[in-house]
C-alpha cells in the first residue's frame, strides 16, 4: 500500500522546452509553485500528525462509552500522542452526549484551541445537526486540524467543508476502531495512519496518484456504471447528506467524487434518499459515485422489496459517469479512511475498478526539510 514509484523529470531539456515549461508555470501558478497546504480544489489541509501532538476527544453526537474512551486513550498514548478531553465527556442527555449547548461548547473549544492538533469525535449516532448553527467557524477556519469520524459525524464534515473549506477524514473513531476490543482492523488501521501521519506529496509536476486503494478479497468492488473521472472526494452517510439538503451545510457535488454509505435503513428508505439527491441535482453534478457499505440495509425477510443491487442499477447504471459499489468504507470493521476534499480518480473501467488519491491529504510541518 506504499505510494507509487515516482516518475522523475528529465534533467536535460531543450531551451524551447524549458521556456515553454517556465511560461506554463508562470501562467498557471500550479505544479511549480503549488502551496502544499491547499488542494487543487481549494480545500485547506491540516498539518500531518506526529507523536507528541495533542488529540482532543469530543462528544458532539450520541453518548459515549467511557470504557472504549479509556482503551483508545491508552493506545494513542502508547503511540506517543497526548490525549485530552473534558471531565464530563461521559455526560448524557436523552440519547445525546449532553445538551446542545454543552456539546457545541466542547466542539468549538477543541476546534479553536491552538494547543490541539487533532479533534477526534468519540462516536457518531445522533445529534450533530442540532448544534452546527451554534459553531463560530470564523474563529478557527484559518487553522485546519485533523478531524476524523463517520456516521453522524458526516454532518460535521459537511459543515467544515462548506464553512471552513477544510480537508477532513471519513474514518474509524475512538469508540468503534481505536477503542474496540481488538483495535482497528489491520487494513483500516494502515490507511488511517498513512493518511494522517504522512506527507504523500510527489515531485512537482507529477500527475500519477500518491496512493491507490488496494483491492480487498473480502470486499470485491464492482462496476455499476463504466467510466473514468476525477474530482475532490466528498460525502459520507447517505441519511445525513439527504437530511442536510436545503441547509447551509448542503453537500456540493459539482465536479466531485461522491461517496455514500449507510446502516439500518430499509431499501425503501435508501430509495427515497437516492431520489431526493437525484432530484436535487446531486447525481447530475457529480463526476463519479463511490457506493460504500450499506450495512443491515437488506430487505426484511418475507417482505416484497427491491434489493440494494437493484436500487443501485436503477439509479446509477445509466448515469453516464463512473459508479462503483461495495467499496470497503462505512459501518464495518474494515472502514478504510477517505480524505474528504482531496482530489481522487475513480477508474470504473479497470479490472478491478480502482480509486486513487491524487494529492497528499496533509500538509508538511514547518520543520520538515524542503520536498524534493
Protein backbone atom coordinates (compact mmCIF):
# COMPACT_ATOMS: atom_id res chain seq x y z
CA UNK A 1 0.00 0.00 0.00
CA UNK A 2 3.05 2.26 -0.33
CA UNK A 3 2.81 5.31 -2.59
CA UNK A 4 3.59 4.53 -6.19
CA UNK A 5 7.07 4.92 -7.57
CA UNK A 6 7.76 8.50 -8.56
CA UNK A 7 8.39 9.50 -12.13
CA UNK A 8 11.42 11.78 -12.44
CA UNK A 9 11.54 14.87 -14.61
CA UNK A 10 14.40 14.55 -17.11
CA UNK A 11 17.38 16.67 -16.08
CA UNK A 12 18.19 17.83 -19.56
CA UNK A 13 15.71 19.85 -21.59
CA UNK A 14 15.98 21.86 -24.77
CA UNK A 15 15.90 25.64 -24.45
CA UNK A 16 12.48 25.70 -26.12
CA UNK A 17 11.12 23.09 -23.75
CA UNK A 18 12.44 24.99 -20.73
CA UNK A 19 10.89 28.21 -21.99
CA UNK A 20 7.56 26.50 -22.52
CA UNK A 21 7.68 24.96 -19.07
CA UNK A 22 8.52 28.32 -17.46
CA UNK A 23 5.69 30.00 -19.35
CA UNK A 24 3.21 27.33 -18.23
CA UNK A 25 4.28 27.63 -14.60
CA UNK A 26 4.11 31.41 -14.66
CA UNK A 27 0.68 31.39 -16.29
CA UNK A 28 -0.96 28.82 -14.03
CA UNK A 29 0.95 29.09 -10.75
CA UNK A 30 0.28 25.35 -10.45
CA UNK A 31 2.71 22.47 -10.12
CA UNK A 32 5.85 24.62 -9.92
CA UNK A 33 4.59 26.89 -7.13
CA UNK A 34 1.79 24.86 -5.58
CA UNK A 35 1.00 25.59 -1.96
CA UNK A 36 1.36 22.21 -0.17
CA UNK A 37 -1.21 23.34 2.41
CA UNK A 38 -4.07 23.69 -0.07
CA UNK A 39 -5.53 21.16 -2.52
CA UNK A 40 -6.07 21.98 -6.18
CA UNK A 41 -9.76 22.37 -5.34
CA UNK A 42 -9.03 24.96 -2.65
CA UNK A 43 -9.51 22.82 0.46
CA UNK A 44 -7.09 23.58 3.29
CA UNK A 45 -5.05 20.66 4.56
CA UNK A 46 -4.26 20.05 8.21
CA UNK A 47 -0.65 19.60 9.22
CA UNK A 48 0.33 15.94 9.41
CA UNK A 49 0.40 14.49 12.90
CA UNK A 50 3.42 13.12 14.70
CA UNK A 51 3.94 11.61 18.16
CA UNK A 52 3.93 14.37 20.76
CA UNK A 53 0.94 16.14 19.22
CA UNK A 54 -2.27 16.71 21.18
CA UNK A 55 -5.52 14.95 20.24
CA UNK A 56 -8.79 16.16 21.76
CA UNK A 57 -11.65 13.70 22.25
CA UNK A 58 -15.09 15.32 21.91
CA UNK A 59 -18.65 14.02 22.12
CA UNK A 60 -20.80 16.02 19.67
CA UNK A 61 -23.29 13.25 18.95
CA UNK A 62 -24.51 10.21 20.90
CA UNK A 63 -23.46 9.45 24.47
CA UNK A 64 -20.05 7.76 24.57
CA UNK A 65 -18.84 4.58 26.22
CA UNK A 66 -16.09 5.57 28.63
CA UNK A 67 -14.54 2.10 28.69
CA UNK A 68 -13.83 2.48 24.97
CA UNK A 69 -12.53 6.01 25.57
CA UNK A 70 -10.02 4.63 28.10
CA UNK A 71 -8.80 1.96 25.67
CA UNK A 72 -8.45 4.43 22.79
CA UNK A 73 -6.61 6.91 25.00
CA UNK A 74 -4.15 4.25 26.12
CA UNK A 75 -3.43 3.12 22.56
CA UNK A 76 -2.87 6.66 21.33
CA UNK A 77 -0.58 7.41 24.28
CA UNK A 78 1.39 4.25 23.52
CA UNK A 79 1.86 5.65 20.01
CA UNK A 80 3.26 8.82 21.55
CA UNK A 81 0.27 11.19 21.46
CA UNK A 82 -1.16 13.34 24.22
CA UNK A 83 -4.92 12.85 24.63
CA UNK A 84 -7.14 15.42 26.33
CA UNK A 85 -10.88 15.54 26.97
CA UNK A 86 -13.35 17.25 29.29
CA UNK A 87 -14.08 15.79 32.70
CA UNK A 88 -17.74 15.41 31.72
CA UNK A 89 -17.13 13.60 28.41
CA UNK A 90 -19.36 10.73 29.59
CA UNK A 91 -22.36 13.01 30.22
CA UNK A 92 -25.85 12.06 28.96
CA UNK A 93 -28.93 13.96 27.87
CA UNK A 94 -31.51 11.55 26.49
CA UNK A 95 -29.74 9.71 23.67
CA UNK A 96 -27.22 12.55 23.30
CA UNK A 97 -23.84 13.26 24.91
CA UNK A 98 -25.20 16.29 26.74
CA UNK A 99 -27.27 19.30 25.84
CA UNK A 100 -26.83 21.04 22.51
CA UNK A 101 -25.18 23.97 24.28
CA UNK A 102 -22.62 21.79 26.07
CA UNK A 103 -21.76 19.67 23.04
CA UNK A 104 -21.34 22.75 20.84
CA UNK A 105 -19.23 24.48 23.50
CA UNK A 106 -16.92 21.48 23.78
CA UNK A 107 -16.56 21.10 20.00
CA UNK A 108 -15.97 24.84 19.48
CA UNK A 109 -13.27 24.88 22.15
CA UNK A 110 -11.41 21.93 20.63
CA UNK A 111 -11.56 23.29 17.09
CA UNK A 112 -10.37 26.74 18.16
CA UNK A 113 -7.70 25.74 20.70
CA UNK A 114 -4.22 26.37 19.20
CA UNK A 115 -2.77 23.72 21.53
CA UNK A 116 -4.94 21.00 19.94
CA UNK A 117 -3.61 19.37 16.75
CA UNK A 118 -6.45 16.95 16.04
CA UNK A 119 -10.10 16.57 17.01
CA UNK A 120 -11.42 13.02 17.36
CA UNK A 121 -15.20 12.77 17.89
CA UNK A 122 -15.56 9.64 20.02
CA UNK A 123 -18.59 8.30 18.18
CA UNK A 124 -21.41 9.18 15.82
CA UNK A 125 -25.03 8.20 16.37
CA UNK A 126 -27.30 11.23 16.54
CA UNK A 127 -27.30 14.94 17.24
CA UNK A 128 -24.57 16.74 15.27
CA UNK A 129 -27.11 18.53 13.07
CA UNK A 130 -28.65 20.04 16.24
CA UNK A 131 -25.51 22.00 17.11
CA UNK A 132 -23.96 23.15 13.80
CA UNK A 133 -25.71 26.52 13.88
CA UNK A 134 -24.03 27.22 17.23
CA UNK A 135 -20.48 26.95 15.88
CA UNK A 136 -18.42 30.06 15.09
CA UNK A 137 -16.47 28.87 12.04
CA UNK A 138 -14.67 32.20 11.67
CA UNK A 139 -12.93 31.57 14.98
CA UNK A 140 -10.98 28.59 13.66
CA UNK A 141 -11.36 28.27 9.89
CA UNK A 142 -7.86 29.63 9.16
CA UNK A 143 -6.22 26.95 11.30
CA UNK A 144 -7.17 23.49 9.97
CA UNK A 145 -6.78 20.46 12.20
CA UNK A 146 -7.09 16.74 11.60
CA UNK A 147 -10.78 15.90 12.13
CA UNK A 148 -11.90 12.28 11.85
CA UNK A 149 -15.08 10.23 12.19
CA UNK A 150 -18.00 8.73 10.30
CA UNK A 151 -21.76 8.12 10.57
CA UNK A 152 -23.42 11.17 12.22
CA UNK A 153 -20.05 12.96 12.05
CA UNK A 154 -20.80 13.31 8.34
CA UNK A 155 -22.74 16.44 9.31
CA UNK A 156 -19.58 17.93 10.82
CA UNK A 157 -17.55 17.00 7.72
CA UNK A 158 -20.11 18.74 5.51
CA UNK A 159 -20.12 21.85 7.69
CA UNK A 160 -16.33 22.10 7.81
CA UNK A 161 -16.18 21.72 4.01
CA UNK A 162 -18.75 24.44 3.38
CA UNK A 163 -17.87 26.94 6.13
CA UNK A 164 -14.11 26.41 6.59
CA UNK A 165 -13.01 24.64 3.39
CA UNK A 166 -11.11 22.02 5.40
CA UNK A 167 -9.86 18.61 4.35
CA UNK A 168 -11.31 16.11 6.84
CA UNK A 169 -11.18 12.33 7.22
CA UNK A 170 -14.09 9.87 6.95
CA UNK A 171 -12.59 7.20 9.16
CA UNK A 172 -12.85 4.91 12.18
CA UNK A 173 -13.30 6.69 15.51
CA UNK A 174 -12.17 6.17 19.13
CA UNK A 175 -15.25 4.16 20.12
CA UNK A 176 -15.56 1.94 17.03
CA UNK A 177 -11.96 1.34 16.00
CA UNK A 178 -9.24 2.75 18.21
CA UNK A 179 -11.13 1.78 21.35
CA UNK A 180 -12.51 -1.55 20.17
CA UNK A 181 -11.54 -4.71 21.99
CA UNK A 182 -9.25 -5.77 19.14
CA UNK A 183 -8.36 -2.29 17.92
CA UNK A 184 -8.76 -1.28 14.31
CA UNK A 185 -8.90 -3.95 11.61
CA UNK A 186 -5.37 -4.09 10.07
CA UNK A 187 -6.28 -2.67 6.64
CA UNK A 188 -8.35 0.11 8.23
CA UNK A 189 -5.52 0.91 10.65
CA UNK A 190 -2.91 1.08 7.89
CA UNK A 191 -4.86 3.57 5.78
CA UNK A 192 -5.80 5.63 8.85
CA UNK A 193 -2.23 6.28 9.98
CA UNK A 194 -0.86 6.51 6.44
CA UNK A 195 -3.15 9.43 5.71
CA UNK A 196 -2.87 11.46 8.92
CA UNK A 197 0.80 10.95 9.79
CA UNK A 198 2.45 11.20 6.37
CA UNK A 199 3.16 13.72 3.66
CA UNK A 200 2.34 11.79 0.47
CA UNK A 201 3.32 14.53 -1.97
CA UNK A 202 5.19 13.64 -5.11
CA UNK A 203 7.60 15.65 -7.20
CA UNK A 204 6.28 18.87 -8.66
CA UNK A 205 4.52 18.34 -11.95
CA UNK A 206 3.95 14.61 -11.42
CA UNK A 207 0.34 13.60 -12.05
CA UNK A 208 0.49 9.94 -11.01
CA UNK A 209 -1.53 9.06 -7.87
CA UNK A 210 0.06 9.30 -4.45
CA UNK A 211 -1.87 6.20 -3.36
CA UNK A 212 -4.11 3.57 -4.93
CA UNK A 213 -6.58 1.76 -2.67
CA UNK A 214 -5.63 -1.91 -2.84
CA UNK A 215 -8.39 -4.40 -3.70
CA UNK A 216 -9.50 -6.46 -0.68
CA UNK A 217 -10.65 -10.04 -1.15
CA UNK A 218 -13.43 -9.65 1.42
CA UNK A 219 -14.88 -6.65 -0.44
CA UNK A 220 -14.86 -7.25 -4.20
CA UNK A 221 -15.62 -3.83 -5.67
CA UNK A 222 -17.82 -3.96 -8.77
CA UNK A 223 -18.64 -1.51 -11.54
CA UNK A 224 -22.22 -0.25 -11.72
CA UNK A 225 -21.54 2.28 -14.48
CA UNK A 226 -18.31 2.45 -16.51
CA UNK A 227 -16.07 5.45 -16.92
CA UNK A 228 -13.02 7.25 -15.61
CA UNK A 229 -13.28 10.60 -13.79
CA UNK A 230 -11.52 12.74 -11.22
CA UNK A 231 -12.56 15.27 -8.60
CA UNK A 232 -12.37 16.01 -4.89
CA UNK A 233 -13.79 13.28 -2.63
CA UNK A 234 -16.92 14.33 -0.77
CA UNK A 235 -19.76 12.66 1.09
CA UNK A 236 -20.32 10.15 3.87
CA UNK A 237 -23.51 8.86 5.43
CA UNK A 238 -26.44 8.93 2.99
CA UNK A 239 -29.06 9.78 5.62
CA UNK A 240 -27.08 12.79 6.87
CA UNK A 241 -26.35 14.01 3.36
CA UNK A 242 -30.04 13.87 2.47
CA UNK A 243 -31.14 15.49 5.74
CA UNK A 244 -28.82 18.49 5.28
CA UNK A 245 -30.17 19.39 1.83
CA UNK A 246 -31.63 22.88 1.93
CA UNK A 247 -29.41 23.90 4.86
CA UNK A 248 -26.20 25.99 4.87
CA UNK A 249 -24.28 22.69 5.05
CA UNK A 250 -25.80 21.10 1.93
CA UNK A 251 -23.33 18.93 0.05
CA UNK A 252 -21.79 20.47 -3.06
CA UNK A 253 -21.21 17.63 -5.53
CA UNK A 254 -20.28 19.68 -8.61
CA UNK A 255 -17.28 18.02 -10.22
CA UNK A 256 -16.71 15.83 -7.17
CA UNK A 257 -16.40 12.10 -6.46
CA UNK A 258 -19.40 11.43 -4.22
CA UNK A 259 -19.08 8.72 -1.54
CA UNK A 260 -22.22 7.25 0.07
CA UNK A 261 -22.81 4.64 2.80
CA UNK A 262 -25.45 3.82 5.40
CA UNK A 263 -26.67 1.43 8.08
CA UNK A 264 -30.02 0.09 9.33
CA UNK A 265 -32.07 1.65 6.55
CA UNK A 266 -34.71 -0.38 4.70
CA UNK A 267 -34.37 -0.39 0.90
CA UNK A 268 -37.45 1.83 0.53
CA UNK A 269 -35.70 4.48 2.62
CA UNK A 270 -32.49 4.18 0.59
CA UNK A 271 -34.70 4.53 -2.49
CA UNK A 272 -36.21 7.73 -1.06
CA UNK A 273 -32.81 9.24 -0.25
CA UNK A 274 -31.44 8.41 -3.71
CA UNK A 275 -34.49 10.04 -5.32
CA UNK A 276 -34.03 13.11 -3.14
CA UNK A 277 -30.38 13.50 -4.14
CA UNK A 278 -31.19 12.86 -7.79
CA UNK A 279 -33.96 15.46 -7.83
CA UNK A 280 -31.68 17.95 -6.07
CA UNK A 281 -29.25 17.58 -8.98
CA UNK A 282 -26.51 15.98 -6.89
CA UNK A 283 -26.02 12.99 -9.21
CA UNK A 284 -26.07 15.17 -12.34
CA UNK A 285 -23.46 17.49 -10.83
CA UNK A 286 -21.00 14.92 -9.53
CA UNK A 287 -18.09 13.50 -11.50
CA UNK A 288 -18.41 9.95 -10.11
CA UNK A 289 -20.03 7.92 -7.33
CA UNK A 290 -18.46 5.52 -4.83
CA UNK A 291 -21.05 3.34 -3.07
CA UNK A 292 -19.61 2.01 0.16
CA UNK A 293 -21.06 -0.41 2.67
CA UNK A 294 -24.81 -0.41 3.27
CA UNK A 295 -24.81 -2.44 6.46
CA UNK A 296 -28.04 -4.17 7.55
CA UNK A 297 -29.95 -2.48 4.72
CA UNK A 298 -31.23 -5.67 3.13
CA UNK A 299 -34.98 -6.26 2.65
CA UNK A 300 -36.92 -7.68 5.56
CA UNK A 301 -37.40 -11.41 5.12
CA UNK A 302 -40.75 -12.24 3.56
CA UNK A 303 -41.46 -8.62 2.66
CA UNK A 304 -41.67 -7.63 -1.01
CA UNK A 305 -38.86 -5.25 -1.79
CA UNK A 306 -36.13 -4.23 -4.19
CA UNK A 307 -32.66 -5.39 -3.26
CA UNK A 308 -29.84 -2.90 -2.80
CA UNK A 309 -28.23 -4.06 -6.03
CA UNK A 310 -31.49 -3.43 -7.88
CA UNK A 311 -31.64 0.09 -6.46
CA UNK A 312 -28.03 0.71 -7.46
CA UNK A 313 -28.82 -0.37 -11.01
CA UNK A 314 -32.00 1.73 -11.19
CA UNK A 315 -30.31 4.93 -10.07
CA UNK A 316 -26.76 4.61 -11.37
CA UNK A 317 -26.43 2.13 -14.27
CA UNK A 318 -27.41 4.77 -16.85
CA UNK A 319 -25.86 7.76 -15.10
CA UNK A 320 -23.24 8.14 -17.80
CA UNK A 321 -20.37 8.51 -15.33
CA UNK A 322 -18.27 6.05 -13.30
CA UNK A 323 -20.01 4.37 -10.37
CA UNK A 324 -18.70 1.52 -8.23
CA UNK A 325 -20.30 -0.46 -5.40
CA UNK A 326 -19.10 -2.41 -2.34
CA UNK A 327 -16.16 -0.13 -1.53
CA UNK A 328 -14.87 -1.05 1.96
CA UNK A 329 -15.85 2.05 3.91
CA UNK A 330 -18.76 2.66 6.25
CA UNK A 331 -20.27 0.84 9.21
CA UNK A 332 -17.93 -2.17 9.05
CA UNK A 333 -14.67 -3.03 10.81
CA UNK A 334 -12.81 -2.68 7.51
CA UNK A 335 -13.68 1.01 7.34
CA UNK A 336 -10.99 2.46 5.08
CA UNK A 337 -10.23 6.12 5.65
CA UNK A 338 -11.31 8.53 2.89
CA UNK A 339 -9.71 12.01 2.94
CA UNK A 340 -12.61 14.31 2.05
CA UNK A 341 -11.82 17.38 -0.05
CA UNK A 342 -8.78 15.72 -1.64
CA UNK A 343 -8.69 15.14 -5.42
CA UNK A 344 -9.20 11.50 -6.37
CA UNK A 345 -9.66 9.48 -9.54
CA UNK A 346 -12.22 6.71 -9.97
CA UNK A 347 -11.46 4.31 -12.81
CA UNK A 348 -14.51 2.07 -13.13
CA UNK A 349 -13.15 0.64 -16.40
CA UNK A 350 -10.21 -1.03 -14.67
CA UNK A 351 -10.37 -4.67 -13.60
CA UNK A 352 -10.83 -4.46 -10.69
CA UNK A 353 -12.08 -0.86 -10.50
CA UNK A 354 -9.64 1.48 -8.74
CA UNK A 355 -9.92 4.53 -6.52
CA UNK A 356 -6.75 6.63 -6.49
CA UNK A 357 -5.78 9.57 -4.30
CA UNK A 358 -4.11 12.32 -6.35
CA UNK A 359 -2.73 14.55 -3.58
CA UNK A 360 -1.45 14.23 -0.06
CA UNK A 361 -4.30 14.95 2.38
CA UNK A 362 -1.99 16.55 4.93
CA UNK A 363 0.44 19.46 4.80
CA UNK A 364 4.10 19.21 5.79
CA UNK A 365 5.25 20.50 9.15
CA UNK A 366 7.18 23.76 9.26
CA UNK A 367 10.23 21.84 10.49
CA UNK A 368 10.18 19.39 7.56
CA UNK A 369 13.01 19.66 5.02
CA UNK A 370 12.02 21.04 1.59
CA UNK A 371 10.27 18.49 -0.56
CA UNK A 372 12.45 17.18 -3.38
